[in-house]
């Protein structure tokens, strides 16, 4: 039985971008997934667009952030995780993209590993509204590490990082860390994965997977 993967996407007024993100989910060669989109109070046509995707494929879910919860992407991530049923979690922002073999490659690489193993992959950033120009990233951390300390040492001197959607991790790891901190405004993913790193034993680098990180012209 193939493991079930929960793809969790917080969104806010990204109707002009999220369609491309969802298309990259639909293009996955790995098919045993659910995609949970949690809306943080959009005022554009996100709801109408999500109705279309949910009607086209029942693996998509669309939810609104509960009114009693504070506004914020981390709140939406935690709520999406509460709703999720996957053995693995794929975090994804509503303007970023996955290569079509991302999930398949990382599920295969994690197949014989324990739950305290984290999968990573290569990534490139691309400029929005600029002909989709890719800026290639090639860091020393683009390899596997048998011990977490080795990964952290190389990460510290490389000047590199992994965007959150480059990882695939077991849901059990998220439960152990207590989820995303909802009081943070900046460096949310850095703080979250710092806690993940404390309990991870091994890093597996998936050579056949890649993700794409969108940079806006104002970034």
N, C-alpha and C. Protein backbone atom coordinates (compact mmCIF):
# COMPACT_ATOMS: atom_id res chain seq x y z
N UNK A 1 0.85 -1.21 0.00
CA UNK A 1 0.00 0.00 0.00
C UNK A 1 0.87 1.24 0.00
N UNK A 2 0.62 2.13 -0.94
CA UNK A 2 1.39 3.36 -1.00
C UNK A 2 1.01 4.30 0.14
N UNK A 3 1.98 4.95 0.78
CA UNK A 3 1.66 5.89 1.85
C UNK A 3 0.80 7.05 1.34
N UNK A 4 -0.07 7.52 2.20
CA UNK A 4 -0.95 8.64 1.87
C UNK A 4 -0.23 9.94 2.24
N UNK A 5 -0.23 10.90 1.32
CA UNK A 5 0.47 12.17 1.52
C UNK A 5 -0.54 13.31 1.60
N UNK A 6 -0.40 14.15 2.61
CA UNK A 6 -1.25 15.33 2.75
C UNK A 6 -0.46 16.56 2.31
N UNK A 7 -0.95 17.23 1.29
CA UNK A 7 -0.35 18.48 0.80
C UNK A 7 -1.16 19.62 1.40
N UNK A 8 -0.50 20.48 2.17
CA UNK A 8 -1.21 21.51 2.92
C UNK A 8 -0.78 22.89 2.42
N UNK A 9 -1.76 23.68 1.96
CA UNK A 9 -1.49 24.97 1.34
C UNK A 9 -2.29 26.08 2.03
N UNK A 10 -1.62 27.01 2.73
CA UNK A 10 -2.32 28.21 3.19
C UNK A 10 -2.39 29.22 2.04
N UNK A 11 -3.44 30.00 1.98
CA UNK A 11 -3.52 30.98 0.89
C UNK A 11 -4.26 32.23 1.33
N UNK A 12 -3.89 33.34 0.70
CA UNK A 12 -4.59 34.61 0.93
C UNK A 12 -4.45 35.47 -0.32
N UNK A 13 -5.56 35.69 -1.01
CA UNK A 13 -5.60 36.54 -2.21
C UNK A 13 -4.54 36.14 -3.24
N UNK A 14 -4.44 34.85 -3.51
CA UNK A 14 -3.50 34.36 -4.50
C UNK A 14 -4.22 33.68 -5.68
N UNK A 15 -5.43 34.13 -5.95
CA UNK A 15 -6.19 33.50 -7.03
C UNK A 15 -5.46 33.58 -8.37
N UNK A 16 -4.64 34.62 -8.56
CA UNK A 16 -3.92 34.78 -9.82
C UNK A 16 -2.69 33.88 -9.90
N UNK A 17 -2.34 33.21 -8.81
CA UNK A 17 -1.14 32.37 -8.78
C UNK A 17 -1.42 30.92 -8.38
N UNK A 18 -2.40 30.70 -7.52
CA UNK A 18 -2.57 29.38 -6.93
C UNK A 18 -2.97 28.32 -7.96
N UNK A 19 -3.58 28.73 -9.05
CA UNK A 19 -3.92 27.76 -10.09
C UNK A 19 -2.70 27.04 -10.62
N UNK A 20 -1.61 27.77 -10.82
CA UNK A 20 -0.37 27.15 -11.29
C UNK A 20 0.19 26.20 -10.24
N UNK A 21 0.07 26.58 -8.98
CA UNK A 21 0.51 25.72 -7.89
C UNK A 21 -0.30 24.43 -7.87
N UNK A 22 -1.62 24.54 -7.96
CA UNK A 22 -2.48 23.36 -7.95
C UNK A 22 -2.26 22.48 -9.18
N UNK A 23 -1.94 23.09 -10.29
CA UNK A 23 -1.64 22.30 -11.50
C UNK A 23 -0.38 21.46 -11.30
N UNK A 24 0.59 22.01 -10.55
CA UNK A 24 1.80 21.23 -10.28
C UNK A 24 1.50 20.07 -9.33
N UNK A 25 0.48 20.22 -8.49
CA UNK A 25 0.02 19.11 -7.65
C UNK A 25 -0.67 18.06 -8.52
N UNK A 26 -1.55 18.50 -9.40
CA UNK A 26 -2.26 17.57 -10.29
C UNK A 26 -1.30 16.79 -11.18
N UNK A 27 -0.17 17.38 -11.51
CA UNK A 27 0.79 16.75 -12.42
C UNK A 27 1.65 15.69 -11.74
N UNK A 28 1.51 15.52 -10.43
CA UNK A 28 2.34 14.56 -9.72
C UNK A 28 2.17 13.14 -10.26
N UNK A 29 3.29 12.46 -10.46
CA UNK A 29 3.24 11.07 -10.89
C UNK A 29 2.80 10.17 -9.73
N UNK A 30 2.96 10.64 -8.51
CA UNK A 30 2.46 9.93 -7.34
C UNK A 30 1.02 10.39 -7.11
N UNK A 31 0.09 9.46 -6.97
CA UNK A 31 -1.33 9.84 -7.00
C UNK A 31 -2.06 9.68 -5.67
N UNK A 32 -1.42 9.08 -4.67
CA UNK A 32 -2.11 8.82 -3.40
C UNK A 32 -1.93 9.99 -2.45
N UNK A 33 -2.65 11.08 -2.74
CA UNK A 33 -2.52 12.30 -1.95
C UNK A 33 -3.87 12.97 -1.77
N UNK A 34 -3.91 13.85 -0.77
CA UNK A 34 -4.99 14.82 -0.60
C UNK A 34 -4.34 16.19 -0.57
N UNK A 35 -5.03 17.19 -1.08
CA UNK A 35 -4.50 18.55 -1.08
C UNK A 35 -5.49 19.44 -0.34
N UNK A 36 -5.05 19.95 0.81
CA UNK A 36 -5.91 20.74 1.69
C UNK A 36 -5.51 22.20 1.58
N UNK A 37 -6.38 23.02 1.01
CA UNK A 37 -6.15 24.46 0.89
C UNK A 37 -6.95 25.17 1.97
N UNK A 38 -6.26 25.97 2.77
CA UNK A 38 -6.92 26.71 3.85
C UNK A 38 -6.82 28.20 3.55
N UNK A 39 -7.96 28.83 3.37
CA UNK A 39 -8.05 30.24 3.00
C UNK A 39 -8.03 31.12 4.25
N UNK A 40 -7.14 32.11 4.23
CA UNK A 40 -6.95 33.00 5.37
C UNK A 40 -7.81 34.25 5.30
N UNK A 41 -8.90 34.18 4.50
CA UNK A 41 -9.81 35.32 4.41
C UNK A 41 -9.70 36.08 3.10
N UNK A 42 -9.47 35.38 2.00
CA UNK A 42 -9.29 36.03 0.70
C UNK A 42 -10.52 36.83 0.29
N UNK A 43 -10.25 37.93 -0.41
CA UNK A 43 -11.33 38.77 -0.92
C UNK A 43 -11.35 38.80 -2.45
N UNK A 44 -10.49 38.00 -3.07
CA UNK A 44 -10.48 37.91 -4.53
C UNK A 44 -11.35 36.71 -4.96
N UNK A 45 -11.06 36.09 -6.09
CA UNK A 45 -11.90 35.00 -6.59
C UNK A 45 -11.33 33.63 -6.23
N UNK A 46 -10.60 33.56 -5.11
CA UNK A 46 -10.03 32.28 -4.69
C UNK A 46 -11.10 31.22 -4.50
N UNK A 47 -12.22 31.58 -3.88
CA UNK A 47 -13.27 30.60 -3.59
C UNK A 47 -13.84 30.01 -4.87
N UNK A 48 -14.10 30.86 -5.86
CA UNK A 48 -14.64 30.36 -7.12
C UNK A 48 -13.63 29.43 -7.82
N UNK A 49 -12.36 29.81 -7.77
CA UNK A 49 -11.33 28.98 -8.40
C UNK A 49 -11.22 27.63 -7.69
N UNK A 50 -11.28 27.65 -6.37
CA UNK A 50 -11.16 26.40 -5.61
C UNK A 50 -12.38 25.51 -5.83
N UNK A 51 -13.53 26.09 -6.02
CA UNK A 51 -14.71 25.29 -6.32
C UNK A 51 -14.50 24.51 -7.62
N UNK A 52 -13.87 25.16 -8.58
CA UNK A 52 -13.57 24.49 -9.86
C UNK A 52 -12.63 23.31 -9.65
N UNK A 53 -11.54 23.50 -8.91
CA UNK A 53 -10.57 22.43 -8.70
C UNK A 53 -11.17 21.29 -7.89
N UNK A 54 -11.97 21.62 -6.89
CA UNK A 54 -12.59 20.58 -6.06
C UNK A 54 -13.59 19.75 -6.86
N UNK A 55 -14.28 20.40 -7.81
CA UNK A 55 -15.21 19.66 -8.66
C UNK A 55 -14.48 18.79 -9.67
N UNK A 56 -13.31 19.27 -10.11
CA UNK A 56 -12.53 18.53 -11.09
C UNK A 56 -11.84 17.31 -10.49
N UNK A 57 -11.44 17.41 -9.21
CA UNK A 57 -10.70 16.32 -8.58
C UNK A 57 -11.02 16.31 -7.09
N UNK A 58 -11.59 15.21 -6.63
CA UNK A 58 -12.05 15.11 -5.24
C UNK A 58 -10.90 15.04 -4.24
N UNK A 59 -9.67 14.93 -4.71
CA UNK A 59 -8.54 14.93 -3.80
C UNK A 59 -8.24 16.33 -3.26
N UNK A 60 -8.82 17.34 -3.89
CA UNK A 60 -8.68 18.71 -3.39
C UNK A 60 -9.75 19.01 -2.35
N UNK A 61 -9.34 19.72 -1.30
CA UNK A 61 -10.27 20.20 -0.28
C UNK A 61 -10.05 21.70 -0.10
N UNK A 62 -11.13 22.40 0.15
CA UNK A 62 -11.04 23.84 0.36
C UNK A 62 -11.72 24.19 1.68
N UNK A 63 -10.97 24.83 2.56
CA UNK A 63 -11.49 25.19 3.87
C UNK A 63 -11.16 26.66 4.17
N UNK A 64 -11.99 27.25 4.99
CA UNK A 64 -11.73 28.60 5.49
C UNK A 64 -11.14 28.51 6.90
N UNK A 65 -10.22 29.39 7.19
CA UNK A 65 -9.72 29.47 8.56
C UNK A 65 -10.90 29.74 9.49
N UNK A 66 -11.04 28.94 10.55
CA UNK A 66 -12.15 29.17 11.49
C UNK A 66 -12.12 30.60 12.04
N UNK A 67 -13.28 31.20 12.17
CA UNK A 67 -13.36 32.61 12.57
C UNK A 67 -12.82 32.84 13.98
N UNK A 68 -12.81 31.81 14.82
CA UNK A 68 -12.32 32.00 16.18
C UNK A 68 -10.80 31.90 16.26
N UNK A 69 -10.14 31.57 15.14
CA UNK A 69 -8.69 31.48 15.13
C UNK A 69 -8.10 32.76 14.55
N UNK A 70 -6.92 33.18 15.03
CA UNK A 70 -6.31 34.42 14.52
C UNK A 70 -5.85 34.26 13.07
N UNK A 71 -5.71 35.38 12.38
CA UNK A 71 -5.27 35.37 11.00
C UNK A 71 -3.79 35.02 10.93
N UNK A 72 -3.40 34.32 9.89
CA UNK A 72 -1.99 34.01 9.69
C UNK A 72 -1.77 32.70 8.97
N UNK A 73 -0.68 32.65 8.19
CA UNK A 73 -0.38 31.45 7.42
C UNK A 73 -0.10 30.25 8.32
N UNK A 74 0.58 30.47 9.46
CA UNK A 74 0.87 29.36 10.35
C UNK A 74 -0.39 28.79 10.98
N UNK A 75 -1.36 29.65 11.26
CA UNK A 75 -2.65 29.18 11.77
C UNK A 75 -3.31 28.29 10.72
N UNK A 76 -3.24 28.70 9.46
CA UNK A 76 -3.82 27.90 8.38
C UNK A 76 -3.09 26.58 8.21
N UNK A 77 -1.76 26.60 8.35
CA UNK A 77 -1.00 25.35 8.25
C UNK A 77 -1.40 24.39 9.35
N UNK A 78 -1.48 24.89 10.57
CA UNK A 78 -1.86 24.02 11.69
C UNK A 78 -3.28 23.48 11.54
N UNK A 79 -4.18 24.33 11.06
CA UNK A 79 -5.55 23.88 10.86
C UNK A 79 -5.61 22.82 9.76
N UNK A 80 -4.86 23.05 8.68
CA UNK A 80 -4.81 22.06 7.62
C UNK A 80 -4.26 20.74 8.12
N UNK A 81 -3.25 20.81 8.98
CA UNK A 81 -2.69 19.59 9.53
C UNK A 81 -3.70 18.86 10.42
N UNK A 82 -4.49 19.61 11.17
CA UNK A 82 -5.54 19.00 12.00
C UNK A 82 -6.52 18.21 11.14
N UNK A 83 -6.80 18.70 9.95
CA UNK A 83 -7.75 18.06 9.04
C UNK A 83 -7.13 16.91 8.25
N UNK A 84 -5.82 16.85 8.21
CA UNK A 84 -5.13 15.93 7.32
C UNK A 84 -5.17 14.49 7.82
N UNK A 85 -5.01 13.56 6.87
CA UNK A 85 -5.02 12.14 7.18
C UNK A 85 -3.77 11.43 6.68
N UNK A 86 -2.82 12.17 6.15
CA UNK A 86 -1.66 11.56 5.52
C UNK A 86 -0.62 11.04 6.49
N UNK A 87 0.08 10.03 6.04
CA UNK A 87 1.23 9.51 6.77
C UNK A 87 2.42 10.45 6.62
N UNK A 88 2.43 11.17 5.48
CA UNK A 88 3.47 12.16 5.22
C UNK A 88 2.82 13.50 4.94
N UNK A 89 3.61 14.57 5.18
CA UNK A 89 3.12 15.93 4.97
C UNK A 89 4.01 16.64 3.95
N UNK A 90 3.37 17.28 2.99
CA UNK A 90 4.03 18.14 2.02
C UNK A 90 3.52 19.56 2.24
N UNK A 91 4.34 20.43 2.84
CA UNK A 91 3.97 21.84 2.97
C UNK A 91 4.16 22.51 1.62
N UNK A 92 3.29 23.43 1.27
CA UNK A 92 3.39 24.11 -0.03
C UNK A 92 2.72 25.46 0.08
N UNK A 93 3.44 26.52 -0.31
CA UNK A 93 2.83 27.84 -0.36
C UNK A 93 2.06 28.01 -1.66
N UNK A 94 1.13 28.93 -1.67
CA UNK A 94 0.17 29.03 -2.77
C UNK A 94 0.72 29.71 -4.02
N UNK A 95 2.02 30.00 -4.04
CA UNK A 95 2.62 30.55 -5.26
C UNK A 95 3.85 29.76 -5.70
N UNK A 96 4.14 28.66 -5.02
CA UNK A 96 5.31 27.85 -5.35
C UNK A 96 4.91 26.60 -6.12
N UNK A 97 5.90 25.86 -6.65
CA UNK A 97 5.63 24.76 -7.55
C UNK A 97 6.45 23.52 -7.19
N UNK A 98 5.91 22.35 -7.55
CA UNK A 98 6.59 21.08 -7.39
C UNK A 98 6.90 20.49 -8.76
N UNK A 99 8.06 19.85 -8.91
CA UNK A 99 8.29 19.08 -10.12
C UNK A 99 7.36 17.86 -10.10
N UNK A 100 7.06 17.33 -11.25
CA UNK A 100 6.03 16.30 -11.34
C UNK A 100 6.40 15.00 -10.61
N UNK A 101 7.68 14.75 -10.42
CA UNK A 101 8.10 13.52 -9.75
C UNK A 101 8.55 13.77 -8.30
N UNK A 102 8.18 14.91 -7.75
CA UNK A 102 8.64 15.27 -6.41
C UNK A 102 8.19 14.26 -5.37
N UNK A 103 6.90 14.02 -5.28
CA UNK A 103 6.39 13.11 -4.27
C UNK A 103 6.85 11.68 -4.52
N UNK A 104 6.80 11.23 -5.74
CA UNK A 104 7.19 9.86 -6.07
C UNK A 104 8.63 9.59 -5.66
N UNK A 105 9.52 10.51 -6.01
CA UNK A 105 10.94 10.32 -5.70
C UNK A 105 11.19 10.28 -4.21
N UNK A 106 10.56 11.19 -3.48
CA UNK A 106 10.84 11.25 -2.05
C UNK A 106 10.17 10.11 -1.28
N UNK A 107 9.00 9.69 -1.71
CA UNK A 107 8.37 8.52 -1.08
C UNK A 107 9.24 7.29 -1.27
N UNK A 108 9.79 7.11 -2.46
CA UNK A 108 10.67 5.97 -2.72
C UNK A 108 11.92 6.04 -1.85
N UNK A 109 12.48 7.23 -1.71
CA UNK A 109 13.71 7.37 -0.92
C UNK A 109 13.47 7.18 0.57
N UNK A 110 12.25 7.40 1.01
CA UNK A 110 11.92 7.23 2.43
C UNK A 110 11.38 5.83 2.75
N UNK A 111 11.20 5.02 1.74
CA UNK A 111 10.49 3.75 1.89
C UNK A 111 11.05 2.87 3.00
N UNK A 112 12.36 2.76 3.08
CA UNK A 112 12.97 1.86 4.06
C UNK A 112 13.61 2.61 5.23
N UNK A 113 13.18 3.85 5.42
CA UNK A 113 13.70 4.67 6.50
C UNK A 113 12.68 4.77 7.63
N UNK A 114 13.16 5.13 8.82
CA UNK A 114 12.22 5.32 9.93
C UNK A 114 11.60 6.71 9.87
N UNK A 115 10.67 6.97 10.77
CA UNK A 115 9.92 8.23 10.74
C UNK A 115 10.77 9.45 11.09
N UNK A 116 11.94 9.22 11.63
CA UNK A 116 12.82 10.33 11.98
C UNK A 116 13.80 10.67 10.86
N UNK A 117 13.42 10.33 9.63
CA UNK A 117 14.21 10.68 8.46
C UNK A 117 13.48 11.76 7.66
N UNK A 118 14.24 12.74 7.21
CA UNK A 118 13.68 13.87 6.48
C UNK A 118 14.19 13.83 5.04
N UNK A 119 13.30 13.97 4.07
CA UNK A 119 13.69 14.00 2.66
C UNK A 119 13.80 15.44 2.17
N UNK A 120 14.84 15.72 1.39
CA UNK A 120 15.02 17.03 0.77
C UNK A 120 15.21 16.84 -0.73
N UNK A 121 15.28 17.95 -1.45
CA UNK A 121 15.56 17.90 -2.88
C UNK A 121 16.11 19.24 -3.33
N UNK A 122 16.58 19.32 -4.55
CA UNK A 122 17.09 20.56 -5.11
C UNK A 122 15.96 21.56 -5.33
N UNK A 123 16.34 22.82 -5.39
CA UNK A 123 15.34 23.85 -5.67
C UNK A 123 15.95 24.98 -6.49
N UNK A 124 15.10 25.67 -7.20
CA UNK A 124 15.47 26.88 -7.93
C UNK A 124 14.44 27.95 -7.64
N UNK A 125 14.90 29.18 -7.60
CA UNK A 125 13.95 30.29 -7.49
C UNK A 125 13.68 30.83 -8.89
N UNK A 126 12.54 31.46 -9.07
CA UNK A 126 12.24 32.07 -10.35
C UNK A 126 11.54 33.39 -10.11
N UNK A 127 11.75 34.32 -11.01
CA UNK A 127 11.21 35.66 -10.87
C UNK A 127 9.82 35.74 -11.46
N UNK A 128 8.90 36.25 -10.66
CA UNK A 128 7.54 36.46 -11.14
C UNK A 128 7.51 37.66 -12.08
N UNK A 129 6.67 37.58 -13.11
CA UNK A 129 6.50 38.68 -14.07
C UNK A 129 7.80 39.06 -14.77
N UNK A 130 8.67 38.07 -14.95
CA UNK A 130 9.93 38.36 -15.63
C UNK A 130 10.32 37.19 -16.53
N UNK A 131 9.35 36.70 -17.27
CA UNK A 131 9.62 35.62 -18.20
C UNK A 131 9.98 34.31 -17.53
N UNK A 132 9.55 34.16 -16.28
CA UNK A 132 9.82 32.92 -15.54
C UNK A 132 11.31 32.58 -15.55
N UNK A 133 12.16 33.60 -15.46
CA UNK A 133 13.60 33.37 -15.45
C UNK A 133 14.00 32.59 -14.20
N UNK A 134 14.66 31.46 -14.40
CA UNK A 134 15.10 30.66 -13.27
C UNK A 134 16.47 31.11 -12.79
N UNK A 135 16.64 31.12 -11.50
CA UNK A 135 17.93 31.39 -10.89
C UNK A 135 18.36 30.08 -10.23
N UNK A 136 19.30 29.41 -10.83
CA UNK A 136 19.68 28.07 -10.36
C UNK A 136 20.39 28.16 -9.01
N UNK A 137 20.05 27.23 -8.14
CA UNK A 137 20.70 27.13 -6.84
C UNK A 137 21.47 25.81 -6.81
N UNK A 138 22.69 25.85 -6.33
CA UNK A 138 23.51 24.64 -6.26
C UNK A 138 24.34 24.71 -4.99
N UNK A 139 23.86 24.12 -3.92
CA UNK A 139 24.48 24.24 -2.62
C UNK A 139 25.14 22.94 -2.19
N UNK A 140 26.17 23.00 -1.34
CA UNK A 140 26.80 21.78 -0.82
C UNK A 140 25.84 20.89 -0.04
N UNK A 141 24.71 21.45 0.39
CA UNK A 141 23.74 20.64 1.13
C UNK A 141 22.87 19.78 0.22
N UNK A 142 23.09 19.86 -1.08
CA UNK A 142 22.32 19.05 -2.02
C UNK A 142 22.89 17.63 -2.06
N UNK A 143 22.82 16.93 -0.93
CA UNK A 143 23.25 15.53 -0.83
C UNK A 143 22.65 14.95 0.44
N UNK A 144 22.80 13.65 0.61
CA UNK A 144 22.29 12.98 1.81
C UNK A 144 23.28 13.08 2.96
N UNK A 145 22.74 13.01 4.17
CA UNK A 145 23.57 13.08 5.37
C UNK A 145 23.11 12.00 6.34
N UNK A 146 24.06 11.15 6.76
CA UNK A 146 23.73 10.06 7.67
C UNK A 146 23.44 10.56 9.08
N UNK A 147 23.99 11.74 9.40
CA UNK A 147 23.80 12.29 10.74
C UNK A 147 23.38 13.75 10.64
N UNK A 148 22.46 14.14 11.49
CA UNK A 148 21.89 15.48 11.44
C UNK A 148 22.95 16.56 11.67
N UNK A 149 23.91 16.29 12.53
CA UNK A 149 24.93 17.28 12.82
C UNK A 149 25.75 17.62 11.58
N UNK A 150 26.01 16.62 10.75
CA UNK A 150 26.74 16.86 9.50
C UNK A 150 25.96 17.81 8.60
N UNK A 151 24.66 17.56 8.49
CA UNK A 151 23.80 18.43 7.68
C UNK A 151 23.83 19.86 8.19
N UNK A 152 23.70 20.04 9.49
CA UNK A 152 23.68 21.38 10.08
C UNK A 152 25.01 22.10 9.88
N UNK A 153 26.12 21.36 9.99
CA UNK A 153 27.44 21.97 9.79
C UNK A 153 27.59 22.48 8.37
N UNK A 154 27.18 21.67 7.39
CA UNK A 154 27.30 22.08 5.99
C UNK A 154 26.31 23.21 5.68
N UNK A 155 25.13 23.12 6.23
CA UNK A 155 24.13 24.17 6.02
C UNK A 155 24.63 25.51 6.54
N UNK A 156 25.33 25.49 7.67
CA UNK A 156 25.81 26.73 8.29
C UNK A 156 26.87 27.43 7.45
N UNK A 157 27.71 26.66 6.76
CA UNK A 157 28.81 27.28 6.01
C UNK A 157 28.48 27.47 4.53
N UNK A 158 27.38 26.92 4.07
CA UNK A 158 27.07 26.95 2.64
C UNK A 158 26.34 28.22 2.21
N UNK A 159 25.70 28.89 3.16
CA UNK A 159 24.87 30.03 2.80
C UNK A 159 23.57 29.62 2.15
N UNK A 160 23.29 28.33 2.17
CA UNK A 160 22.08 27.82 1.53
C UNK A 160 20.99 27.51 2.53
N UNK A 161 19.83 27.23 2.02
CA UNK A 161 18.70 26.79 2.84
C UNK A 161 17.76 26.02 1.94
N UNK A 162 16.80 25.38 2.54
CA UNK A 162 15.76 24.70 1.79
C UNK A 162 14.42 25.38 2.06
N UNK A 163 13.70 25.81 1.02
CA UNK A 163 12.34 26.27 1.26
C UNK A 163 11.50 25.12 1.78
N UNK A 164 10.45 25.44 2.50
CA UNK A 164 9.70 24.40 3.22
C UNK A 164 9.14 23.32 2.29
N UNK A 165 8.82 23.67 1.04
CA UNK A 165 8.24 22.66 0.16
C UNK A 165 9.28 21.72 -0.44
N UNK A 166 10.57 21.95 -0.16
CA UNK A 166 11.60 21.00 -0.60
C UNK A 166 11.61 19.75 0.27
N UNK A 167 11.04 19.84 1.46
CA UNK A 167 11.03 18.72 2.38
C UNK A 167 9.79 17.84 2.18
N UNK A 168 9.94 16.58 2.53
CA UNK A 168 8.81 15.69 2.77
C UNK A 168 9.08 15.02 4.10
N UNK A 169 8.11 15.06 4.99
CA UNK A 169 8.34 14.55 6.34
C UNK A 169 7.15 13.77 6.85
N UNK A 170 7.41 12.88 7.78
CA UNK A 170 6.36 12.08 8.39
C UNK A 170 5.47 12.96 9.26
N UNK A 171 4.19 12.69 9.24
CA UNK A 171 3.25 13.43 10.08
C UNK A 171 3.61 13.29 11.55
N UNK A 172 4.19 12.15 11.91
CA UNK A 172 4.58 11.93 13.30
C UNK A 172 5.59 12.95 13.78
N UNK A 173 6.46 13.43 12.89
CA UNK A 173 7.43 14.45 13.26
C UNK A 173 6.74 15.76 13.61
N UNK A 174 5.71 16.11 12.84
CA UNK A 174 4.97 17.35 13.10
C UNK A 174 4.27 17.26 14.45
N UNK A 175 3.69 16.11 14.74
CA UNK A 175 3.00 15.93 16.02
C UNK A 175 3.97 16.05 17.19
N UNK A 176 5.18 15.54 17.01
CA UNK A 176 6.17 15.61 18.07
C UNK A 176 6.61 17.04 18.36
N UNK A 177 6.66 17.88 17.33
CA UNK A 177 7.14 19.25 17.52
C UNK A 177 6.04 20.20 17.98
N UNK A 178 4.79 19.80 17.85
CA UNK A 178 3.69 20.68 18.24
C UNK A 178 3.24 21.63 17.16
N UNK A 179 3.69 21.44 15.92
CA UNK A 179 3.21 22.26 14.81
C UNK A 179 3.92 23.60 14.70
N UNK A 180 3.31 24.50 13.92
CA UNK A 180 3.88 25.81 13.63
C UNK A 180 3.50 26.81 14.72
N UNK A 181 4.45 27.67 15.08
CA UNK A 181 4.16 28.71 16.05
C UNK A 181 3.31 29.80 15.40
N UNK A 182 2.18 30.08 16.01
CA UNK A 182 1.22 30.99 15.40
C UNK A 182 1.45 32.45 15.77
N UNK A 183 2.42 32.71 16.64
CA UNK A 183 2.70 34.08 17.06
C UNK A 183 3.82 34.73 16.26
N UNK A 184 4.46 33.99 15.38
CA UNK A 184 5.59 34.52 14.62
C UNK A 184 5.13 35.24 13.36
N UNK A 185 5.85 36.30 13.01
CA UNK A 185 5.54 37.07 11.80
C UNK A 185 6.59 36.80 10.72
N UNK A 186 7.86 36.62 11.12
CA UNK A 186 8.94 36.36 10.17
C UNK A 186 9.66 35.07 10.54
N UNK A 187 10.39 34.52 9.56
CA UNK A 187 11.20 33.31 9.75
C UNK A 187 10.39 32.15 10.33
N UNK A 188 9.17 32.04 9.87
CA UNK A 188 8.27 31.00 10.39
C UNK A 188 8.78 29.60 10.07
N UNK A 189 9.21 29.41 8.81
CA UNK A 189 9.67 28.08 8.43
C UNK A 189 11.00 27.74 9.08
N UNK A 190 11.88 28.75 9.26
CA UNK A 190 13.15 28.50 9.92
C UNK A 190 12.97 28.02 11.35
N UNK A 191 12.06 28.65 12.07
CA UNK A 191 11.81 28.24 13.45
C UNK A 191 11.18 26.86 13.51
N UNK A 192 10.23 26.60 12.63
CA UNK A 192 9.56 25.30 12.62
C UNK A 192 10.55 24.17 12.33
N UNK A 193 11.36 24.33 11.28
CA UNK A 193 12.26 23.25 10.92
C UNK A 193 13.44 23.13 11.88
N UNK A 194 13.76 24.19 12.61
CA UNK A 194 14.78 24.06 13.66
C UNK A 194 14.33 23.04 14.69
N UNK A 195 13.05 23.05 15.03
CA UNK A 195 12.53 22.07 15.99
C UNK A 195 12.46 20.67 15.37
N UNK A 196 12.16 20.61 14.07
CA UNK A 196 12.17 19.32 13.39
C UNK A 196 13.59 18.74 13.40
N UNK A 197 14.58 19.58 13.11
CA UNK A 197 15.97 19.11 13.05
C UNK A 197 16.42 18.48 14.37
N UNK A 198 15.88 18.95 15.47
CA UNK A 198 16.29 18.44 16.78
C UNK A 198 15.94 16.97 16.97
N UNK A 199 14.96 16.48 16.23
CA UNK A 199 14.53 15.09 16.42
C UNK A 199 14.75 14.23 15.18
N UNK A 200 15.34 14.79 14.14
CA UNK A 200 15.61 14.03 12.92
C UNK A 200 16.97 13.34 13.03
N UNK A 201 17.04 12.11 12.57
CA UNK A 201 18.27 11.33 12.61
C UNK A 201 19.08 11.44 11.32
N UNK A 202 18.38 11.55 10.19
CA UNK A 202 19.04 11.40 8.90
C UNK A 202 18.35 12.27 7.85
N UNK A 203 19.15 12.76 6.89
CA UNK A 203 18.63 13.53 5.75
C UNK A 203 18.85 12.72 4.48
N UNK A 204 17.78 12.50 3.73
CA UNK A 204 17.87 11.79 2.45
C UNK A 204 17.61 12.79 1.33
N UNK A 205 18.57 12.95 0.43
CA UNK A 205 18.44 13.87 -0.68
C UNK A 205 17.91 13.13 -1.90
N UNK A 206 16.79 13.58 -2.44
CA UNK A 206 16.17 12.96 -3.59
C UNK A 206 16.68 13.62 -4.88
N UNK A 207 17.53 12.91 -5.61
CA UNK A 207 18.18 13.48 -6.79
C UNK A 207 17.21 13.72 -7.95
N UNK A 208 16.10 12.99 -7.97
CA UNK A 208 15.18 13.08 -9.10
C UNK A 208 13.99 13.99 -8.83
N UNK A 209 14.09 14.80 -7.78
CA UNK A 209 12.99 15.71 -7.44
C UNK A 209 13.52 17.15 -7.40
N UNK A 210 12.60 18.09 -7.57
CA UNK A 210 12.97 19.50 -7.52
C UNK A 210 11.73 20.32 -7.19
N UNK A 211 11.95 21.47 -6.55
CA UNK A 211 10.86 22.40 -6.30
C UNK A 211 11.28 23.79 -6.78
N UNK A 212 10.27 24.65 -6.94
CA UNK A 212 10.49 25.98 -7.48
C UNK A 212 9.89 27.02 -6.53
N UNK A 213 10.71 27.99 -6.21
CA UNK A 213 10.36 29.02 -5.23
C UNK A 213 10.16 30.34 -5.96
N UNK A 214 8.95 30.88 -5.89
CA UNK A 214 8.65 32.10 -6.62
C UNK A 214 9.13 33.34 -5.87
N UNK A 215 9.86 34.18 -6.58
CA UNK A 215 10.29 35.48 -6.02
C UNK A 215 9.55 36.57 -6.77
N UNK A 216 8.88 37.45 -6.03
CA UNK A 216 8.22 38.59 -6.64
C UNK A 216 9.24 39.69 -6.92
N UNK A 217 8.91 40.56 -7.83
CA UNK A 217 9.83 41.62 -8.22
C UNK A 217 10.20 42.50 -7.03
N UNK A 218 9.32 42.59 -6.04
CA UNK A 218 9.57 43.44 -4.87
C UNK A 218 10.48 42.78 -3.84
N UNK A 219 10.70 41.46 -3.98
CA UNK A 219 11.52 40.73 -3.00
C UNK A 219 12.98 41.13 -3.07
